[in-house]
């Protein structure tokens, strides 16, 4: 019941914040002014603020457009191409299983990305209700289409390759660190578990990060204010992104021209949408005004999920620090065209 209460509470907080923001959205507009110069701040102490026209390329869900998302296969695809591909950051999502293993999955259930409904004979197969051993029967490539017609659909039992089975966060990081041939990837890791399970996931992830001395290469994130508050209070030494309420507060302060330091932001990055993911007719989060304001406040801006070349070019020219994309090679080529 506590988990349900916290989940409802997070939704309520988000709804209140959106209502507060409506007057700004509809009375001020937000087309952006391309004549405003891009401002840079060489004195920035934030390592995630990048040089102009050189944003980091982040493989969203480990490059979910070119391989089944959040699988070892997807990470192998990125790491084996190494420097040639040009990915700087690996983004993925984690949740805690019933027996305390931290596994990769974006959705709250396995239903949409695997054969879970068939395997367990029911819908709503939540990570938190299953053990790590139980989920080994799943084929995480079941519903991946890619450029073909579901190339991994129908694989069952021993026919499911090891790199399409449910995998733990620590084994993924160990694979990357052991096979990246000297390249040091950054990681963006989002906690998707909710309520008390999210706290358990945070604790487990902290152990994974610190045992491998990756504190300086990891940003962890969550959109849930309660989980974010837990991160902030218990593990202030790990860099984090703004939660949903903090992101709305940032935008409010930016549009009003207020001093963001009055609220002492403790996050190092905003992870925000643009274009088709952001209801662009109502709100434009890709303006130079917003990026300049963030950089002035020593905050990096990382955009998801940017798969359109025109959007990548627009954000790059406006000073974005990171492009999170399902198609990393497409993003690299678009960024290179800006130079």
C-alpha atoms as a PDB file:
ATOM      1  CA  UNK A   1       0.000   0.000   0.000  1.00  0.00           C
ATOM      2  CA  UNK A   2       2.860   2.363   0.768  1.00  0.00           C
ATOM      3  CA  UNK A   3       4.246   1.973  -2.763  1.00  0.00           C
ATOM      4  CA  UNK A   4       0.845   2.736  -4.238  1.00  0.00           C
ATOM      5  CA  UNK A   5       0.496   5.790  -2.017  1.00  0.00           C
ATOM      6  CA  UNK A   6       3.888   7.169  -3.061  1.00  0.00           C
ATOM      7  CA  UNK A   7       3.109   6.570  -6.731  1.00  0.00           C
ATOM      8  CA  UNK A   8      -0.199   8.460  -6.441  1.00  0.00           C
ATOM      9  CA  UNK A   9       1.548  11.205  -4.500  1.00  0.00           C
ATOM     10  CA  UNK A  10       4.108  11.644  -7.298  1.00  0.00           C
ATOM     11  CA  UNK A  11       1.352  11.916  -9.893  1.00  0.00           C
ATOM     12  CA  UNK A  12      -0.447  14.499  -7.735  1.00  0.00           C
ATOM     13  CA  UNK A  13       2.695  16.600  -7.351  1.00  0.00           C
ATOM     14  CA  UNK A  14       3.254  16.521 -11.105  1.00  0.00           C
ATOM     15  CA  UNK A  15      -0.345  17.522 -11.834  1.00  0.00           C
ATOM     16  CA  UNK A  16      -0.156  20.491  -9.454  1.00  0.00           C
ATOM     17  CA  UNK A  17       3.070  21.679 -11.042  1.00  0.00           C
ATOM     18  CA  UNK A  18       1.618  21.462 -14.559  1.00  0.00           C
ATOM     19  CA  UNK A  19      -1.450  23.459 -13.497  1.00  0.00           C
ATOM     20  CA  UNK A  20       0.819  26.137 -12.065  1.00  0.00           C
ATOM     21  CA  UNK A  21       2.713  26.265 -15.359  1.00  0.00           C
ATOM     22  CA  UNK A  22      -0.321  26.606 -17.680  1.00  0.00           C
ATOM     23  CA  UNK A  23      -0.516  30.430 -17.512  1.00  0.00           C
ATOM     24  CA  UNK A  24       3.087  30.688 -18.682  1.00  0.00           C
ATOM     25  CA  UNK A  25       2.603  28.237 -21.535  1.00  0.00           C
ATOM     26  CA  UNK A  26      -0.412  29.988 -22.973  1.00  0.00           C
ATOM     27  CA  UNK A  27       0.351  33.660 -22.273  1.00  0.00           C
ATOM     28  CA  UNK A  28       4.035  33.929 -23.113  1.00  0.00           C
ATOM     29  CA  UNK A  29       4.581  31.531 -26.023  1.00  0.00           C
ATOM     30  CA  UNK A  30       7.989  29.959 -26.549  1.00  0.00           C
ATOM     31  CA  UNK A  31       9.073  30.044 -30.166  1.00  0.00           C
ATOM     32  CA  UNK A  32      12.645  30.934 -29.234  1.00  0.00           C
ATOM     33  CA  UNK A  33      14.785  33.637 -30.761  1.00  0.00           C
ATOM     34  CA  UNK A  34      17.458  32.355 -33.184  1.00  0.00           C
ATOM     35  CA  UNK A  35      19.111  35.775 -33.150  1.00  0.00           C
ATOM     36  CA  UNK A  36      20.127  35.398 -29.515  1.00  0.00           C
ATOM     37  CA  UNK A  37      23.794  34.355 -29.461  1.00  0.00           C
ATOM     38  CA  UNK A  38      24.861  31.088 -27.881  1.00  0.00           C
ATOM     39  CA  UNK A  39      26.600  31.871 -24.619  1.00  0.00           C
ATOM     40  CA  UNK A  40      29.442  29.731 -23.340  1.00  0.00           C
ATOM     41  CA  UNK A  41      30.920  29.636 -19.867  1.00  0.00           C
ATOM     42  CA  UNK A  42      34.531  28.365 -19.964  1.00  0.00           C
ATOM     43  CA  UNK A  43      34.711  28.581 -16.175  1.00  0.00           C
ATOM     44  CA  UNK A  44      32.013  25.921 -15.774  1.00  0.00           C
ATOM     45  CA  UNK A  45      32.830  23.204 -13.264  1.00  0.00           C
ATOM     46  CA  UNK A  46      30.199  20.804 -14.618  1.00  0.00           C
ATOM     47  CA  UNK A  47      31.890  18.017 -16.632  1.00  0.00           C
ATOM     48  CA  UNK A  48      28.639  17.273 -18.457  1.00  0.00           C
ATOM     49  CA  UNK A  49      28.505  20.702 -20.097  1.00  0.00           C
ATOM     50  CA  UNK A  50      30.168  20.144 -23.462  1.00  0.00           C
ATOM     51  CA  UNK A  51      31.839  22.414 -25.978  1.00  0.00           C
ATOM     52  CA  UNK A  52      29.638  24.213 -28.467  1.00  0.00           C
ATOM     53  CA  UNK A  53      28.724  22.080 -31.519  1.00  0.00           C
ATOM     54  CA  UNK A  54      30.155  18.998 -29.804  1.00  0.00           C
ATOM     55  CA  UNK A  55      27.339  17.424 -27.755  1.00  0.00           C
ATOM     56  CA  UNK A  56      27.755  13.984 -26.267  1.00  0.00           C
ATOM     57  CA  UNK A  57      25.944  11.243 -28.154  1.00  0.00           C
ATOM     58  CA  UNK A  58      24.021   8.993 -25.808  1.00  0.00           C
ATOM     59  CA  UNK A  59      22.700   5.583 -26.870  1.00  0.00           C
ATOM     60  CA  UNK A  60      19.144   5.752 -25.519  1.00  0.00           C
ATOM     61  CA  UNK A  61      18.092   2.433 -23.963  1.00  0.00           C
ATOM     62  CA  UNK A  62      21.492   1.251 -25.240  1.00  0.00           C
ATOM     63  CA  UNK A  63      20.576   2.043 -28.856  1.00  0.00           C
ATOM     64  CA  UNK A  64      17.064   0.636 -28.882  1.00  0.00           C
ATOM     65  CA  UNK A  65      16.434   1.512 -32.513  1.00  0.00           C
ATOM     66  CA  UNK A  66      19.125  -0.791 -33.834  1.00  0.00           C
ATOM     67  CA  UNK A  67      18.929  -3.686 -31.353  1.00  0.00           C
ATOM     68  CA  UNK A  68      16.454  -4.851 -28.703  1.00  0.00           C
ATOM     69  CA  UNK A  69      16.482  -2.168 -26.013  1.00  0.00           C
ATOM     70  CA  UNK A  70      18.249  -2.635 -22.683  1.00  0.00           C
ATOM     71  CA  UNK A  71      19.762  -5.978 -23.688  1.00  0.00           C
ATOM     72  CA  UNK A  72      23.327  -7.209 -23.696  1.00  0.00           C
ATOM     73  CA  UNK A  73      22.983  -7.511 -27.488  1.00  0.00           C
ATOM     74  CA  UNK A  74      22.392  -3.766 -27.715  1.00  0.00           C
ATOM     75  CA  UNK A  75      25.436  -2.991 -25.579  1.00  0.00           C
ATOM     76  CA  UNK A  76      27.573  -5.379 -27.611  1.00  0.00           C
ATOM     77  CA  UNK A  77      26.479  -3.578 -30.751  1.00  0.00           C
ATOM     78  CA  UNK A  78      27.646  -0.234 -29.336  1.00  0.00           C
ATOM     79  CA  UNK A  79      30.849  -1.376 -27.636  1.00  0.00           C
ATOM     80  CA  UNK A  80      32.120  -3.516 -30.518  1.00  0.00           C
ATOM     81  CA  UNK A  81      31.977  -0.485 -32.831  1.00  0.00           C
ATOM     82  CA  UNK A  82      33.781   1.610 -30.231  1.00  0.00           C
ATOM     83  CA  UNK A  83      35.345   4.869 -31.348  1.00  0.00           C
ATOM     84  CA  UNK A  84      34.128   4.341 -34.903  1.00  0.00           C
ATOM     85  CA  UNK A  85      30.510   4.751 -33.835  1.00  0.00           C
ATOM     86  CA  UNK A  86      31.123   7.831 -31.721  1.00  0.00           C
ATOM     87  CA  UNK A  87      28.881   7.090 -28.723  1.00  0.00           C
ATOM     88  CA  UNK A  88      29.971   8.864 -25.535  1.00  0.00           C
ATOM     89  CA  UNK A  89      27.268   7.842 -23.072  1.00  0.00           C
ATOM     90  CA  UNK A  90      25.241   4.694 -22.453  1.00  0.00           C
ATOM     91  CA  UNK A  91      21.705   5.324 -21.186  1.00  0.00           C
ATOM     92  CA  UNK A  92      19.573   2.569 -19.703  1.00  0.00           C
ATOM     93  CA  UNK A  93      16.826   1.893 -17.170  1.00  0.00           C
ATOM     94  CA  UNK A  94      16.900  -0.301 -14.067  1.00  0.00           C
ATOM     95  CA  UNK A  95      14.417  -1.894 -11.689  1.00  0.00           C
ATOM     96  CA  UNK A  96      14.609  -4.204  -8.696  1.00  0.00           C
ATOM     97  CA  UNK A  97      13.319  -7.779  -8.874  1.00  0.00           C
ATOM     98  CA  UNK A  98      11.398  -9.589  -6.152  1.00  0.00           C
ATOM     99  CA  UNK A  99      14.652 -11.158  -4.913  1.00  0.00           C
ATOM    100  CA  UNK A 100      16.669  -7.925  -5.000  1.00  0.00           C
ATOM    101  CA  UNK A 101      18.497  -8.094  -8.327  1.00  0.00           C
ATOM    102  CA  UNK A 102      18.887  -4.857 -10.279  1.00  0.00           C
ATOM    103  CA  UNK A 103      17.864  -5.596 -13.871  1.00  0.00           C
ATOM    104  CA  UNK A 104      17.442  -3.571 -17.048  1.00  0.00           C
ATOM    105  CA  UNK A 105      13.924  -2.683 -18.174  1.00  0.00           C
ATOM    106  CA  UNK A 106      12.183   0.534 -19.181  1.00  0.00           C
ATOM    107  CA  UNK A 107       8.490  -0.354 -18.763  1.00  0.00           C
ATOM    108  CA  UNK A 108       7.133  -1.430 -15.386  1.00  0.00           C
ATOM    109  CA  UNK A 109       6.202  -4.826 -16.845  1.00  0.00           C
ATOM    110  CA  UNK A 110       7.800  -7.263 -19.273  1.00  0.00           C
ATOM    111  CA  UNK A 111       4.588  -7.531 -21.300  1.00  0.00           C
ATOM    112  CA  UNK A 112       5.441  -5.185 -24.181  1.00  0.00           C
ATOM    113  CA  UNK A 113       9.038  -6.162 -24.882  1.00  0.00           C
ATOM    114  CA  UNK A 114       9.020  -9.925 -24.333  1.00  0.00           C
ATOM    115  CA  UNK A 115       6.971 -13.132 -24.375  1.00  0.00           C
ATOM    116  CA  UNK A 116       6.007 -12.628 -20.721  1.00  0.00           C
ATOM    117  CA  UNK A 117       2.225 -12.955 -21.175  1.00  0.00           C
ATOM    118  CA  UNK A 118       2.697 -16.322 -22.867  1.00  0.00           C
ATOM    119  CA  UNK A 119       5.388 -17.492 -20.460  1.00  0.00           C
ATOM    120  CA  UNK A 120       3.511 -16.676 -17.254  1.00  0.00           C
ATOM    121  CA  UNK A 121      -0.045 -17.051 -18.532  1.00  0.00           C
ATOM    122  CA  UNK A 122      -1.126 -13.595 -17.401  1.00  0.00           C
ATOM    123  CA  UNK A 123      -0.781  -9.889 -18.108  1.00  0.00           C
ATOM    124  CA  UNK A 124       0.898  -7.231 -15.957  1.00  0.00           C
ATOM    125  CA  UNK A 125       4.137  -9.065 -15.255  1.00  0.00           C
ATOM    126  CA  UNK A 126       5.831  -6.517 -13.012  1.00  0.00           C
ATOM    127  CA  UNK A 127       9.550  -6.746 -12.354  1.00  0.00           C
ATOM    128  CA  UNK A 128       8.966  -6.441  -8.619  1.00  0.00           C
ATOM    129  CA  UNK A 129       6.727  -9.546  -8.609  1.00  0.00           C
ATOM    130  CA  UNK A 130       9.227 -11.857 -10.284  1.00  0.00           C
ATOM    131  CA  UNK A 131      12.586 -13.321  -9.289  1.00  0.00           C
ATOM    132  CA  UNK A 132      15.664 -13.104 -11.448  1.00  0.00           C
ATOM    133  CA  UNK A 133      15.537 -16.844 -12.051  1.00  0.00           C
ATOM    134  CA  UNK A 134      11.909 -16.684 -13.152  1.00  0.00           C
ATOM    135  CA  UNK A 135      12.532 -14.039 -15.812  1.00  0.00           C
ATOM    136  CA  UNK A 136      15.267 -16.065 -17.486  1.00  0.00           C
ATOM    137  CA  UNK A 137      12.565 -17.711 -19.642  1.00  0.00           C
ATOM    138  CA  UNK A 138      11.919 -14.387 -21.384  1.00  0.00           C
ATOM    139  CA  UNK A 139      13.014 -13.442 -24.887  1.00  0.00           C
ATOM    140  CA  UNK A 140      13.671  -9.686 -24.787  1.00  0.00           C
ATOM    141  CA  UNK A 141      13.872  -9.561 -28.568  1.00  0.00           C
ATOM    142  CA  UNK A 142      10.315 -10.858 -29.035  1.00  0.00           C
ATOM    143  CA  UNK A 143       8.785  -7.549 -30.144  1.00  0.00           C
ATOM    144  CA  UNK A 144      11.830  -5.845 -31.654  1.00  0.00           C
ATOM    145  CA  UNK A 145      11.156  -5.035 -35.277  1.00  0.00           C
ATOM    146  CA  UNK A 146      14.149  -2.943 -36.297  1.00  0.00           C
ATOM    147  CA  UNK A 147      14.437  -2.735 -40.059  1.00  0.00           C
ATOM    148  CA  UNK A 148      13.029  -6.229 -40.590  1.00  0.00           C
ATOM    149  CA  UNK A 149      10.072  -8.330 -39.549  1.00  0.00           C
ATOM    150  CA  UNK A 150      10.720  -9.246 -35.919  1.00  0.00           C
ATOM    151  CA  UNK A 151      13.964 -11.185 -36.414  1.00  0.00           C
ATOM    152  CA  UNK A 152      13.988 -12.669 -32.882  1.00  0.00           C
ATOM    153  CA  UNK A 153      10.293 -13.475 -32.476  1.00  0.00           C
ATOM    154  CA  UNK A 154       9.397 -17.016 -31.461  1.00  0.00           C
ATOM    155  CA  UNK A 155      12.698 -17.952 -29.842  1.00  0.00           C
ATOM    156  CA  UNK A 156      12.062 -20.056 -26.739  1.00  0.00           C
ATOM    157  CA  UNK A 157      14.035 -22.123 -24.240  1.00  0.00           C
ATOM    158  CA  UNK A 158      17.610 -22.884 -25.268  1.00  0.00           C
ATOM    159  CA  UNK A 159      17.071 -21.075 -28.567  1.00  0.00           C
ATOM    160  CA  UNK A 160      17.011 -17.711 -26.777  1.00  0.00           C
ATOM    161  CA  UNK A 161      20.568 -16.359 -27.051  1.00  0.00           C
ATOM    162  CA  UNK A 162      22.279 -15.296 -23.815  1.00  0.00           C
ATOM    163  CA  UNK A 163      22.404 -11.681 -24.987  1.00  0.00           C
ATOM    164  CA  UNK A 164      18.613 -11.440 -25.291  1.00  0.00           C
ATOM    165  CA  UNK A 165      17.855 -12.679 -21.777  1.00  0.00           C
ATOM    166  CA  UNK A 166      17.192 -10.493 -18.743  1.00  0.00           C
ATOM    167  CA  UNK A 167      20.499  -9.154 -17.476  1.00  0.00           C
ATOM    168  CA  UNK A 168      21.674  -7.436 -14.294  1.00  0.00           C
ATOM    169  CA  UNK A 169      23.036  -3.913 -14.127  1.00  0.00           C
ATOM    170  CA  UNK A 170      26.362  -4.991 -12.659  1.00  0.00           C
ATOM    171  CA  UNK A 171      26.973  -7.577 -15.387  1.00  0.00           C
ATOM    172  CA  UNK A 172      26.244  -5.001 -18.093  1.00  0.00           C
ATOM    173  CA  UNK A 173      28.658  -2.486 -16.600  1.00  0.00           C
ATOM    174  CA  UNK A 174      31.302  -5.169 -16.136  1.00  0.00           C
ATOM    175  CA  UNK A 175      30.905  -6.149 -19.786  1.00  0.00           C
ATOM    176  CA  UNK A 176      31.303  -2.551 -20.961  1.00  0.00           C
ATOM    177  CA  UNK A 177      34.261  -1.802 -18.722  1.00  0.00           C
ATOM    178  CA  UNK A 178      36.059  -5.008 -19.757  1.00  0.00           C
ATOM    179  CA  UNK A 179      35.469  -4.708 -23.500  1.00  0.00           C
ATOM    180  CA  UNK A 180      35.578  -1.000 -24.331  1.00  0.00           C
ATOM    181  CA  UNK A 181      39.277  -1.117 -25.310  1.00  0.00           C
ATOM    182  CA  UNK A 182      40.313   1.884 -23.254  1.00  0.00           C
ATOM    183  CA  UNK A 183      37.308   4.021 -24.140  1.00  0.00           C
ATOM    184  CA  UNK A 184      35.640   5.347 -20.996  1.00  0.00           C
ATOM    185  CA  UNK A 185      31.906   5.639 -21.463  1.00  0.00           C
ATOM    186  CA  UNK A 186      29.734   7.765 -19.249  1.00  0.00           C
ATOM    187  CA  UNK A 187      26.509   6.242 -17.964  1.00  0.00           C
ATOM    188  CA  UNK A 188      23.032   7.681 -17.527  1.00  0.00           C
ATOM    189  CA  UNK A 189      21.029   5.236 -15.406  1.00  0.00           C
ATOM    190  CA  UNK A 190      17.373   5.832 -14.690  1.00  0.00           C
ATOM    191  CA  UNK A 191      15.539   4.249 -11.774  1.00  0.00           C
ATOM    192  CA  UNK A 192      12.171   3.025 -13.044  1.00  0.00           C
ATOM    193  CA  UNK A 193      11.007   1.182  -9.917  1.00  0.00           C
ATOM    194  CA  UNK A 194       8.372   3.049  -7.904  1.00  0.00           C
ATOM    195  CA  UNK A 195       7.659   3.629  -4.210  1.00  0.00           C
ATOM    196  CA  UNK A 196       9.715   1.674  -1.685  1.00  0.00           C
ATOM    197  CA  UNK A 197      11.110  -0.511  -4.457  1.00  0.00           C
ATOM    198  CA  UNK A 198      12.720   2.582  -5.942  1.00  0.00           C
ATOM    199  CA  UNK A 199      14.645   3.148  -2.700  1.00  0.00           C
ATOM    200  CA  UNK A 200      15.895  -0.439  -2.802  1.00  0.00           C
ATOM    201  CA  UNK A 201      16.938   0.088  -6.430  1.00  0.00           C
ATOM    202  CA  UNK A 202      18.803   3.270  -5.504  1.00  0.00           C
ATOM    203  CA  UNK A 203      20.672   1.493  -2.700  1.00  0.00           C
ATOM    204  CA  UNK A 204      21.611  -1.374  -5.002  1.00  0.00           C
ATOM    205  CA  UNK A 205      22.709   0.944  -7.794  1.00  0.00           C
ATOM    206  CA  UNK A 206      24.843   2.964  -5.403  1.00  0.00           C
ATOM    207  CA  UNK A 207      26.695  -0.214  -4.478  1.00  0.00           C
ATOM    208  CA  UNK A 208      27.204  -1.139  -8.129  1.00  0.00           C
ATOM    209  CA  UNK A 209      28.572   2.327  -8.909  1.00  0.00           C
ATOM    210  CA  UNK A 210      30.909   2.693  -5.930  1.00  0.00           C
ATOM    211  CA  UNK A 211      32.271  -0.860  -6.024  1.00  0.00           C
ATOM    212  CA  UNK A 212      33.518  -0.077  -9.541  1.00  0.00           C
ATOM    213  CA  UNK A 213      34.672   3.456  -8.705  1.00  0.00           C
ATOM    214  CA  UNK A 214      32.398   4.971 -11.346  1.00  0.00           C
ATOM    215  CA  UNK A 215      31.154   7.935  -9.313  1.00  0.00           C
ATOM    216  CA  UNK A 216      32.643  10.412 -11.767  1.00  0.00           C
ATOM    217  CA  UNK A 217      31.116   8.760 -14.851  1.00  0.00           C
ATOM    218  CA  UNK A 218      27.550   8.137 -13.759  1.00  0.00           C
ATOM    219  CA  UNK A 219      24.490  10.358 -13.687  1.00  0.00           C
ATOM    220  CA  UNK A 220      21.513   8.654 -12.107  1.00  0.00           C
ATOM    221  CA  UNK A 221      18.014   9.862 -12.651  1.00  0.00           C
ATOM    222  CA  UNK A 222      14.352   9.535 -11.857  1.00  0.00           C
ATOM    223  CA  UNK A 223      11.285  11.587 -12.655  1.00  0.00           C
ATOM    224  CA  UNK A 224       9.736  10.741  -9.257  1.00  0.00           C
ATOM    225  CA  UNK A 225      10.255  13.492  -6.651  1.00  0.00           C
ATOM    226  CA  UNK A 226      10.237  11.060  -3.695  1.00  0.00           C
ATOM    227  CA  UNK A 227      12.919   8.868  -5.244  1.00  0.00           C
ATOM    228  CA  UNK A 228      14.931  11.946  -6.162  1.00  0.00           C
ATOM    229  CA  UNK A 229      14.712  13.234  -2.579  1.00  0.00           C
ATOM    230  CA  UNK A 230      15.980   9.853  -1.344  1.00  0.00           C
ATOM    231  CA  UNK A 231      18.938  10.024  -3.747  1.00  0.00           C
ATOM    232  CA  UNK A 232      19.735  13.570  -2.693  1.00  0.00           C
ATOM    233  CA  UNK A 233      19.529  12.909   1.027  1.00  0.00           C
ATOM    234  CA  UNK A 234      21.319   9.571   1.230  1.00  0.00           C
ATOM    235  CA  UNK A 235      23.832   9.741  -1.626  1.00  0.00           C
ATOM    236  CA  UNK A 236      24.653  13.401  -2.390  1.00  0.00           C
ATOM    237  CA  UNK A 237      28.001  12.424  -3.893  1.00  0.00           C
ATOM    238  CA  UNK A 238      26.448  10.868  -7.008  1.00  0.00           C
ATOM    239  CA  UNK A 239      25.487  13.264  -9.791  1.00  0.00           C
ATOM    240  CA  UNK A 240      21.790  13.262 -10.594  1.00  0.00           C
ATOM    241  CA  UNK A 241      19.354  14.861 -13.006  1.00  0.00           C
ATOM    242  CA  UNK A 242      16.396  17.041 -12.139  1.00  0.00           C
ATOM    243  CA  UNK A 243      13.194  15.218 -11.293  1.00  0.00           C
ATOM    244  CA  UNK A 244       9.871  16.215 -12.869  1.00  0.00           C
ATOM    245  CA  UNK A 245       9.048  18.909 -10.313  1.00  0.00           C
ATOM    246  CA  UNK A 246      12.554  20.374 -10.430  1.00  0.00           C
ATOM    247  CA  UNK A 247      12.452  20.479 -14.231  1.00  0.00           C
ATOM    248  CA  UNK A 248       9.161  22.373 -14.196  1.00  0.00           C
ATOM    249  CA  UNK A 249      10.543  24.727 -11.550  1.00  0.00           C
ATOM    250  CA  UNK A 250      13.622  25.327 -13.719  1.00  0.00           C
ATOM    251  CA  UNK A 251      11.470  26.210 -16.709  1.00  0.00           C
ATOM    252  CA  UNK A 252       9.297  28.509 -14.593  1.00  0.00           C
ATOM    253  CA  UNK A 253      12.348  30.401 -13.298  1.00  0.00           C
ATOM    254  CA  UNK A 254      13.889  30.558 -16.756  1.00  0.00           C
ATOM    255  CA  UNK A 255      10.764  32.048 -18.353  1.00  0.00           C
ATOM    256  CA  UNK A 256      10.254  34.544 -15.549  1.00  0.00           C
ATOM    257  CA  UNK A 257      13.909  35.588 -15.573  1.00  0.00           C
ATOM    258  CA  UNK A 258      14.322  34.767 -11.897  1.00  0.00           C
ATOM    259  CA  UNK A 259      17.552  33.778 -10.151  1.00  0.00           C
ATOM    260  CA  UNK A 260      17.669  29.973 -10.054  1.00  0.00           C
ATOM    261  CA  UNK A 261      20.282  30.051  -7.302  1.00  0.00           C
ATOM    262  CA  UNK A 262      17.581  31.231  -4.921  1.00  0.00           C
ATOM    263  CA  UNK A 263      16.394  27.593  -4.817  1.00  0.00           C
ATOM    264  CA  UNK A 264      19.937  26.121  -4.713  1.00  0.00           C
ATOM    265  CA  UNK A 265      19.558  23.414  -7.402  1.00  0.00           C
ATOM    266  CA  UNK A 266      21.605  20.317  -6.576  1.00  0.00           C
ATOM    267  CA  UNK A 267      21.217  18.482  -9.892  1.00  0.00           C
ATOM    268  CA  UNK A 268      23.889  18.590 -12.595  1.00  0.00           C
ATOM    269  CA  UNK A 269      21.667  18.047 -15.624  1.00  0.00           C
ATOM    270  CA  UNK A 270      18.222  18.480 -17.088  1.00  0.00           C
ATOM    271  CA  UNK A 271      16.961  15.580 -19.162  1.00  0.00           C
ATOM    272  CA  UNK A 272      14.131  17.001 -21.210  1.00  0.00           C
ATOM    273  CA  UNK A 273      12.244  16.206 -24.412  1.00  0.00           C
ATOM    274  CA  UNK A 274      12.106  18.132 -27.653  1.00  0.00           C
ATOM    275  CA  UNK A 275       9.977  18.014 -30.788  1.00  0.00           C
ATOM    276  CA  UNK A 276       7.455  15.211 -31.061  1.00  0.00           C
ATOM    277  CA  UNK A 277       8.174  14.165 -27.478  1.00  0.00           C
ATOM    278  CA  UNK A 278       7.494  17.627 -26.038  1.00  0.00           C
ATOM    279  CA  UNK A 279       4.164  18.767 -27.526  1.00  0.00           C
ATOM    280  CA  UNK A 280       6.229  21.273 -29.448  1.00  0.00           C
ATOM    281  CA  UNK A 281       3.237  23.408 -30.435  1.00  0.00           C
ATOM    282  CA  UNK A 282       2.728  24.249 -26.768  1.00  0.00           C
ATOM    283  CA  UNK A 283       6.230  24.345 -25.367  1.00  0.00           C
ATOM    284  CA  UNK A 284       9.668  24.529 -26.934  1.00  0.00           C
ATOM    285  CA  UNK A 285      12.432  23.287 -24.671  1.00  0.00           C
ATOM    286  CA  UNK A 286      15.125  23.567 -27.333  1.00  0.00           C
ATOM    287  CA  UNK A 287      15.696  27.334 -27.354  1.00  0.00           C
ATOM    288  CA  UNK A 288      18.942  29.186 -26.955  1.00  0.00           C
ATOM    289  CA  UNK A 289      17.376  31.131 -24.110  1.00  0.00           C
ATOM    290  CA  UNK A 290      16.828  27.946 -22.115  1.00  0.00           C
ATOM    291  CA  UNK A 291      20.255  26.526 -22.882  1.00  0.00           C
ATOM    292  CA  UNK A 292      22.017  29.787 -22.043  1.00  0.00           C
ATOM    293  CA  UNK A 293      20.103  30.007 -18.761  1.00  0.00           C
ATOM    294  CA  UNK A 294      21.029  26.427 -17.854  1.00  0.00           C
ATOM    295  CA  UNK A 295      24.699  26.923 -18.650  1.00  0.00           C
ATOM    296  CA  UNK A 296      24.764  30.179 -16.713  1.00  0.00           C
ATOM    297  CA  UNK A 297      23.608  28.128 -13.733  1.00  0.00           C
ATOM    298  CA  UNK A 298      26.178  25.371 -14.346  1.00  0.00           C
ATOM    299  CA  UNK A 299      23.550  22.852 -15.476  1.00  0.00           C
ATOM    300  CA  UNK A 300      23.935  20.574 -18.506  1.00  0.00           C
ATOM    301  CA  UNK A 301      20.981  19.992 -20.840  1.00  0.00           C
ATOM    302  CA  UNK A 302      20.451  16.513 -22.262  1.00  0.00           C
ATOM    303  CA  UNK A 303      17.624  15.909 -24.764  1.00  0.00           C
ATOM    304  CA  UNK A 304      15.582  12.746 -25.311  1.00  0.00           C
ATOM    305  CA  UNK A 305      14.602  10.941 -27.499  1.00  0.00           C
ATOM    306  CA  UNK A 306      15.973  12.754 -30.555  1.00  0.00           C
ATOM    307  CA  UNK A 307      15.846  10.559 -33.664  1.00  0.00           C
ATOM    308  CA  UNK A 308      15.112  13.204 -36.308  1.00  0.00           C
ATOM    309  CA  UNK A 309      18.159  14.683 -38.072  1.00  0.00           C
ATOM    310  CA  UNK A 310      16.666  18.191 -38.277  1.00  0.00           C
ATOM    311  CA  UNK A 311      15.979  18.187 -34.551  1.00  0.00           C
ATOM    312  CA  UNK A 312      19.512  16.976 -33.812  1.00  0.00           C
ATOM    313  CA  UNK A 313      20.977  19.786 -35.918  1.00  0.00           C
ATOM    314  CA  UNK A 314      18.699  22.398 -34.341  1.00  0.00           C
ATOM    315  CA  UNK A 315      19.618  21.384 -30.798  1.00  0.00           C
ATOM    316  CA  UNK A 316      23.305  21.129 -31.611  1.00  0.00           C
ATOM    317  CA  UNK A 317      23.371  24.650 -33.049  1.00  0.00           C
ATOM    318  CA  UNK A 318      21.545  25.960 -30.002  1.00  0.00           C
ATOM    319  CA  UNK A 319      24.169  24.527 -27.651  1.00  0.00           C
ATOM    320  CA  UNK A 320      22.803  21.173 -26.421  1.00  0.00           C
ATOM    321  CA  UNK A 321      25.151  19.169 -24.229  1.00  0.00           C
ATOM    322  CA  UNK A 322      23.856  15.694 -25.041  1.00  0.00           C
ATOM    323  CA  UNK A 323      21.673  14.087 -27.701  1.00  0.00           C
ATOM    324  CA  UNK A 324      19.996  10.933 -26.403  1.00  0.00           C
ATOM    325  CA  UNK A 325      18.930   8.846 -29.380  1.00  0.00           C
ATOM    326  CA  UNK A 326      17.835   5.378 -30.446  1.00  0.00           C
ATOM    327  CA  UNK A 327      20.022   5.742 -33.569  1.00  0.00           C
ATOM    328  CA  UNK A 328      23.521   6.857 -32.512  1.00  0.00           C
ATOM    329  CA  UNK A 329      25.157   6.767 -35.945  1.00  0.00           C
ATOM    330  CA  UNK A 330      22.432   8.998 -37.374  1.00  0.00           C
ATOM    331  CA  UNK A 331      23.029  11.475 -34.552  1.00  0.00           C
ATOM    332  CA  UNK A 332      26.809  11.463 -35.023  1.00  0.00           C
ATOM    333  CA  UNK A 333      26.454  12.246 -38.728  1.00  0.00           C
ATOM    334  CA  UNK A 334      23.947  15.041 -38.060  1.00  0.00           C
ATOM    335  CA  UNK A 335      26.216  16.646 -35.445  1.00  0.00           C
ATOM    336  CA  UNK A 336      29.217  16.442 -37.759  1.00  0.00           C
ATOM    337  CA  UNK A 337      27.265  18.310 -40.427  1.00  0.00           C
ATOM    338  CA  UNK A 338      27.039  21.318 -38.068  1.00  0.00           C
ATOM    339  CA  UNK A 339      30.795  21.885 -37.901  1.00  0.00           C
END
